[in-house]
Amino acid sequence: MNDNLTNLLPPDRQQALSREYRTRLGIVAVMLLITLAVAAGLLLLPTYVLLAQSAEAKQTNLANVESVLSSADEKALAAHLVSLSSDAAALIALGKAPSVSATMRAALAIPRPGITLSAFSYTPATSKTRGTFAISGTATTRDALRSYQLAIQGAPFSAAADLPVSAYAKDADIAFTVTVTLTP
């Protein structure tokens, strides 16, 4: 067979055949693109349906919650809200209050030669009174007791340190209770 193929068609007919081939190829490509677009749209349809149903369910749930909130339980809800607000205010006030353990550490850090401490009592502050901290113990001498009282009065947590005059009645082994009024 001869490898040299001879085209017997005239050039204008060759160009028309070539144009017809390219047109068919273009139509097939466009049809393929259209088919792919339709297939992608069909594959997105289940996702769209699922999302639409989910949105509808959320709208229904929201309407249900709104109807529950606006029902006769509004008074109970308002009372519960007031209770929670007062609890929050109490927690805030408690957070701002001085720490008892910090006050105890500060009291124990005060030098106390000749003093033996035996008991502590804390009374928290109220809206009408300041907090108090009572320190009980035994002093070996009056001078040791007086210097301890002055040291407590000078402490940063103390507004005043009250010691009854009767505590100075004995010369040695003096049992005492100093009542410290705490700074706000």
C-alpha atoms as a PDB file:
ATOM      1  CA  MET A   1       0.000   0.000   0.000  1.00  0.00           C
ATOM      2  CA  ASN A   2       1.153   3.481  -0.778  1.00  0.00           C
ATOM      3  CA  ASP A   3       2.036   5.738   2.212  1.00  0.00           C
ATOM      4  CA  ASN A   4       1.472   8.845   0.183  1.00  0.00           C
ATOM      5  CA  LEU A   5      -2.265   9.454   0.415  1.00  0.00           C
ATOM      6  CA  THR A   6      -3.606  11.879  -2.037  1.00  0.00           C
ATOM      7  CA  ASN A   7      -6.559  14.036  -1.114  1.00  0.00           C
ATOM      8  CA  LEU A   8      -8.735  14.438  -4.143  1.00  0.00           C
ATOM      9  CA  LEU A   9     -11.170  16.968  -2.633  1.00  0.00           C
ATOM     10  CA  PRO A  10     -10.942  20.549  -3.756  1.00  0.00           C
ATOM     11  CA  PRO A  11      -9.597  23.062  -1.135  1.00  0.00           C
ATOM     12  CA  ASP A  12     -12.963  24.782  -0.490  1.00  0.00           C
ATOM     13  CA  ARG A  13     -14.576  21.382   0.164  1.00  0.00           C
ATOM     14  CA  GLN A  14     -11.654  20.461   2.473  1.00  0.00           C
ATOM     15  CA  GLN A  15     -12.211  23.675   4.461  1.00  0.00           C
ATOM     16  CA  ALA A  16     -15.961  23.012   4.697  1.00  0.00           C
ATOM     17  CA  LEU A  17     -15.290  19.470   5.945  1.00  0.00           C
ATOM     18  CA  SER A  18     -12.802  20.813   8.497  1.00  0.00           C
ATOM     19  CA  ARG A  19     -15.324  23.480   9.684  1.00  0.00           C
ATOM     20  CA  GLU A  20     -18.017  20.826  10.007  1.00  0.00           C
ATOM     21  CA  TYR A  21     -15.656  18.633  12.066  1.00  0.00           C
ATOM     22  CA  ARG A  22     -14.796  21.540  14.414  1.00  0.00           C
ATOM     23  CA  THR A  23     -18.474  22.440  14.762  1.00  0.00           C
ATOM     24  CA  ARG A  24     -19.354  18.866  15.767  1.00  0.00           C
ATOM     25  CA  LEU A  25     -16.454  18.801  18.216  1.00  0.00           C
ATOM     26  CA  GLY A  26     -17.620  22.125  19.752  1.00  0.00           C
ATOM     27  CA  ILE A  27     -21.211  20.870  20.030  1.00  0.00           C
ATOM     28  CA  VAL A  28     -20.021  17.692  21.763  1.00  0.00           C
ATOM     29  CA  ALA A  29     -17.897  19.751  24.200  1.00  0.00           C
ATOM     30  CA  VAL A  30     -20.820  22.112  24.993  1.00  0.00           C
ATOM     31  CA  MET A  31     -23.159  19.126  25.487  1.00  0.00           C
ATOM     32  CA  LEU A  32     -20.597  17.535  27.807  1.00  0.00           C
ATOM     33  CA  LEU A  33     -20.354  20.778  29.851  1.00  0.00           C
ATOM     34  CA  ILE A  34     -24.155  21.020  30.031  1.00  0.00           C
ATOM     35  CA  THR A  35     -24.385  17.387  31.147  1.00  0.00           C
ATOM     36  CA  LEU A  36     -21.758  17.979  33.858  1.00  0.00           C
ATOM     37  CA  ALA A  37     -23.582  21.116  35.090  1.00  0.00           C
ATOM     38  CA  VAL A  38     -26.920  19.272  35.280  1.00  0.00           C
ATOM     39  CA  ALA A  39     -25.281  16.328  37.099  1.00  0.00           C
ATOM     40  CA  ALA A  40     -23.634  18.705  39.620  1.00  0.00           C
ATOM     41  CA  GLY A  41     -26.987  20.427  40.192  1.00  0.00           C
ATOM     42  CA  LEU A  42     -28.689  17.088  40.754  1.00  0.00           C
ATOM     43  CA  LEU A  43     -25.986  16.055  43.216  1.00  0.00           C
ATOM     44  CA  LEU A  44     -26.476  19.314  45.176  1.00  0.00           C
ATOM     45  CA  LEU A  45     -30.221  18.759  45.463  1.00  0.00           C
ATOM     46  CA  PRO A  46     -30.079  16.379  48.509  1.00  0.00           C
ATOM     47  CA  THR A  47     -27.833  18.838  50.370  1.00  0.00           C
ATOM     48  CA  TYR A  48     -30.238  21.684  49.651  1.00  0.00           C
ATOM     49  CA  VAL A  49     -33.212  19.631  50.853  1.00  0.00           C
ATOM     50  CA  LEU A  50     -31.360  18.635  54.049  1.00  0.00           C
ATOM     51  CA  LEU A  51     -30.367  22.239  54.823  1.00  0.00           C
ATOM     52  CA  ALA A  52     -33.878  23.509  54.142  1.00  0.00           C
ATOM     53  CA  GLN A  53     -35.364  20.917  56.518  1.00  0.00           C
ATOM     54  CA  SER A  54     -32.749  21.754  59.174  1.00  0.00           C
ATOM     55  CA  ALA A  55     -33.539  25.470  58.925  1.00  0.00           C
ATOM     56  CA  GLU A  56     -37.252  24.724  59.185  1.00  0.00           C
ATOM     57  CA  ALA A  57     -36.682  22.531  62.265  1.00  0.00           C
ATOM     58  CA  LYS A  58     -34.631  25.286  63.914  1.00  0.00           C
ATOM     59  CA  GLN A  59     -37.348  27.845  63.176  1.00  0.00           C
ATOM     60  CA  THR A  60     -39.917  25.508  64.730  1.00  0.00           C
ATOM     61  CA  ASN A  61     -37.713  24.991  67.805  1.00  0.00           C
ATOM     62  CA  LEU A  62     -37.209  28.760  68.155  1.00  0.00           C
ATOM     63  CA  ALA A  63     -40.945  29.368  67.961  1.00  0.00           C
ATOM     64  CA  ASN A  64     -41.484  26.674  70.611  1.00  0.00           C
ATOM     65  CA  VAL A  65     -38.916  28.239  72.955  1.00  0.00           C
ATOM     66  CA  GLU A  66     -40.422  31.697  72.477  1.00  0.00           C
ATOM     67  CA  SER A  67     -43.898  30.377  73.265  1.00  0.00           C
ATOM     68  CA  VAL A  68     -42.608  28.648  76.422  1.00  0.00           C
ATOM     69  CA  LEU A  69     -40.866  31.826  77.574  1.00  0.00           C
ATOM     70  CA  SER A  70     -43.923  33.970  76.984  1.00  0.00           C
ATOM     71  CA  SER A  71     -46.290  31.592  78.758  1.00  0.00           C
ATOM     72  CA  ALA A  72     -47.606  31.794  82.319  1.00  0.00           C
ATOM     73  CA  ASP A  73     -44.189  30.854  83.688  1.00  0.00           C
ATOM     74  CA  GLU A  74     -42.968  34.411  83.167  1.00  0.00           C
ATOM     75  CA  LYS A  75     -43.498  35.179  86.855  1.00  0.00           C
ATOM     76  CA  ALA A  76     -41.527  32.113  87.917  1.00  0.00           C
ATOM     77  CA  LEU A  77     -38.808  32.985  85.416  1.00  0.00           C
ATOM     78  CA  ALA A  78     -38.688  36.580  86.672  1.00  0.00           C
ATOM     79  CA  ALA A  79     -38.464  35.373  90.285  1.00  0.00           C
ATOM     80  CA  HIS A  80     -35.684  32.970  89.331  1.00  0.00           C
ATOM     81  CA  LEU A  81     -33.872  35.776  87.520  1.00  0.00           C
ATOM     82  CA  VAL A  82     -34.115  38.033  90.591  1.00  0.00           C
ATOM     83  CA  SER A  83     -32.782  35.201  92.757  1.00  0.00           C
ATOM     84  CA  LEU A  84     -29.863  34.650  90.396  1.00  0.00           C
ATOM     85  CA  SER A  85     -29.111  38.375  90.351  1.00  0.00           C
ATOM     86  CA  SER A  86     -29.005  38.531  94.147  1.00  0.00           C
ATOM     87  CA  ASP A  87     -26.773  35.450  94.242  1.00  0.00           C
ATOM     88  CA  ALA A  88     -24.441  37.083  91.726  1.00  0.00           C
ATOM     89  CA  ALA A  89     -24.350  40.264  93.826  1.00  0.00           C
ATOM     90  CA  ALA A  90     -23.503  38.202  96.923  1.00  0.00           C
ATOM     91  CA  LEU A  91     -20.693  36.437  95.062  1.00  0.00           C
ATOM     92  CA  ILE A  92     -19.287  39.763  93.847  1.00  0.00           C
ATOM     93  CA  ALA A  93     -19.401  41.145  97.402  1.00  0.00           C
ATOM     94  CA  LEU A  94     -17.708  37.994  98.674  1.00  0.00           C
ATOM     95  CA  GLY A  95     -14.978  38.367  96.067  1.00  0.00           C
ATOM     96  CA  LYS A  96     -14.327  41.942  97.207  1.00  0.00           C
ATOM     97  CA  ALA A  97     -14.301  41.052 100.922  1.00  0.00           C
ATOM     98  CA  PRO A  98     -10.922  40.598 102.596  1.00  0.00           C
ATOM     99  CA  SER A  99      -9.756  37.037 102.947  1.00  0.00           C
ATOM    100  CA  VAL A 100      -9.925  35.580 106.456  1.00  0.00           C
ATOM    101  CA  SER A 101      -6.857  33.447 105.834  1.00  0.00           C
ATOM    102  CA  ALA A 102      -4.910  36.508 104.638  1.00  0.00           C
ATOM    103  CA  THR A 103      -5.935  38.366 107.810  1.00  0.00           C
ATOM    104  CA  MET A 104      -4.900  35.341 109.892  1.00  0.00           C
ATOM    105  CA  ARG A 105      -1.506  35.155 108.158  1.00  0.00           C
ATOM    106  CA  ALA A 106      -0.973  38.885 108.711  1.00  0.00           C
ATOM    107  CA  ALA A 107      -1.880  38.533 112.404  1.00  0.00           C
ATOM    108  CA  LEU A 108       0.487  35.610 112.830  1.00  0.00           C
ATOM    109  CA  ALA A 109       3.273  37.511 111.083  1.00  0.00           C
ATOM    110  CA  ILE A 110       3.283  40.204 113.794  1.00  0.00           C
ATOM    111  CA  PRO A 111       6.216  39.691 116.192  1.00  0.00           C
ATOM    112  CA  ARG A 112       4.993  38.581 119.608  1.00  0.00           C
ATOM    113  CA  PRO A 113       7.762  37.940 122.151  1.00  0.00           C
ATOM    114  CA  GLY A 114       6.261  36.748 125.418  1.00  0.00           C
ATOM    115  CA  ILE A 115       2.842  36.121 123.834  1.00  0.00           C
ATOM    116  CA  THR A 116       1.234  32.741 123.294  1.00  0.00           C
ATOM    117  CA  LEU A 117      -1.796  32.766 120.989  1.00  0.00           C
ATOM    118  CA  SER A 118      -4.556  30.235 121.620  1.00  0.00           C
ATOM    119  CA  ALA A 119      -7.718  31.202 119.715  1.00  0.00           C
ATOM    120  CA  PHE A 120      -8.995  33.310 116.829  1.00  0.00           C
ATOM    121  CA  SER A 121     -12.512  34.424 116.053  1.00  0.00           C
ATOM    122  CA  TYR A 122     -13.664  36.180 112.888  1.00  0.00           C
ATOM    123  CA  THR A 123     -16.918  38.096 112.436  1.00  0.00           C
ATOM    124  CA  PRO A 124     -17.586  39.241 108.849  1.00  0.00           C
ATOM    125  CA  ALA A 125     -18.613  42.789 108.043  1.00  0.00           C
ATOM    126  CA  THR A 126     -22.266  43.610 107.505  1.00  0.00           C
ATOM    127  CA  SER A 127     -23.878  46.639 105.927  1.00  0.00           C
ATOM    128  CA  LYS A 128     -24.036  48.304 109.376  1.00  0.00           C
ATOM    129  CA  THR A 129     -20.827  47.133 111.099  1.00  0.00           C
ATOM    130  CA  ARG A 130     -17.230  46.477 110.205  1.00  0.00           C
ATOM    131  CA  GLY A 131     -15.701  43.041 110.439  1.00  0.00           C
ATOM    132  CA  THR A 132     -13.894  42.051 113.636  1.00  0.00           C
ATOM    133  CA  PHE A 133     -11.114  39.615 114.408  1.00  0.00           C
ATOM    134  CA  ALA A 134     -10.647  38.493 118.023  1.00  0.00           C
ATOM    135  CA  ILE A 135      -7.263  37.158 119.102  1.00  0.00           C
ATOM    136  CA  SER A 136      -7.007  35.310 122.412  1.00  0.00           C
ATOM    137  CA  GLY A 137      -3.926  34.142 124.231  1.00  0.00           C
ATOM    138  CA  THR A 138      -1.642  34.495 127.210  1.00  0.00           C
ATOM    139  CA  ALA A 139       1.012  37.163 127.846  1.00  0.00           C
ATOM    140  CA  THR A 140       3.979  36.647 130.161  1.00  0.00           C
ATOM    141  CA  THR A 141       4.077  40.327 131.244  1.00  0.00           C
ATOM    142  CA  ARG A 142       2.091  43.554 130.945  1.00  0.00           C
ATOM    143  CA  ASP A 143       4.790  45.116 128.786  1.00  0.00           C
ATOM    144  CA  ALA A 144       4.682  42.210 126.318  1.00  0.00           C
ATOM    145  CA  LEU A 145       0.887  42.531 126.143  1.00  0.00           C
ATOM    146  CA  ARG A 146       1.030  46.308 125.580  1.00  0.00           C
ATOM    147  CA  SER A 147       3.662  46.040 122.850  1.00  0.00           C
ATOM    148  CA  TYR A 148       1.629  43.311 121.134  1.00  0.00           C
ATOM    149  CA  GLN A 149      -1.509  45.488 121.257  1.00  0.00           C
ATOM    150  CA  LEU A 150       0.382  48.408 119.706  1.00  0.00           C
ATOM    151  CA  ALA A 151       1.849  46.134 117.022  1.00  0.00           C
ATOM    152  CA  ILE A 152      -1.644  44.916 116.121  1.00  0.00           C
ATOM    153  CA  GLN A 153      -2.945  48.502 115.998  1.00  0.00           C
ATOM    154  CA  GLY A 154      -0.223  49.382 113.511  1.00  0.00           C
ATOM    155  CA  ALA A 155      -0.953  46.422 111.235  1.00  0.00           C
ATOM    156  CA  PRO A 156      -2.410  47.228 107.778  1.00  0.00           C
ATOM    157  CA  PHE A 157      -5.511  45.081 108.333  1.00  0.00           C
ATOM    158  CA  SER A 158      -6.356  46.781 111.657  1.00  0.00           C
ATOM    159  CA  ALA A 159      -8.423  49.934 112.098  1.00  0.00           C
ATOM    160  CA  ALA A 160      -8.385  49.584 115.896  1.00  0.00           C
ATOM    161  CA  ALA A 161      -7.264  47.025 118.483  1.00  0.00           C
ATOM    162  CA  ASP A 162      -9.322  47.066 121.671  1.00  0.00           C
ATOM    163  CA  LEU A 163      -8.043  45.403 124.812  1.00  0.00           C
ATOM    164  CA  PRO A 164     -10.058  45.650 128.034  1.00  0.00           C
ATOM    165  CA  VAL A 165      -8.317  47.472 130.887  1.00  0.00           C
ATOM    166  CA  SER A 166      -9.051  44.495 133.140  1.00  0.00           C
ATOM    167  CA  ALA A 167      -6.447  42.521 131.172  1.00  0.00           C
ATOM    168  CA  TYR A 168      -3.733  44.590 132.904  1.00  0.00           C
ATOM    169  CA  ALA A 169      -4.905  43.568 136.428  1.00  0.00           C
ATOM    170  CA  LYS A 170      -2.406  40.723 136.699  1.00  0.00           C
ATOM    171  CA  ASP A 171       1.388  41.083 136.571  1.00  0.00           C
ATOM    172  CA  ALA A 172       2.237  37.767 134.887  1.00  0.00           C
ATOM    173  CA  ASP A 173       0.511  35.024 132.881  1.00  0.00           C
ATOM    174  CA  ILE A 174      -2.192  37.398 131.675  1.00  0.00           C
ATOM    175  CA  ALA A 175      -5.075  35.865 129.713  1.00  0.00           C
ATOM    176  CA  PHE A 176      -6.318  38.338 127.114  1.00  0.00           C
ATOM    177  CA  THR A 177      -8.600  38.815 124.130  1.00  0.00           C
ATOM    178  CA  VAL A 178      -7.786  41.640 121.695  1.00  0.00           C
ATOM    179  CA  THR A 179     -10.707  42.640 119.468  1.00  0.00           C
ATOM    180  CA  VAL A 180      -9.397  43.999 116.171  1.00  0.00           C
ATOM    181  CA  THR A 181     -11.715  46.117 114.051  1.00  0.00           C
ATOM    182  CA  LEU A 182     -10.771  45.345 110.453  1.00  0.00           C
ATOM    183  CA  THR A 183     -10.175  47.985 107.805  1.00  0.00           C
ATOM    184  CA  PRO A 184     -12.802  48.029 105.058  1.00  0.00           C
END
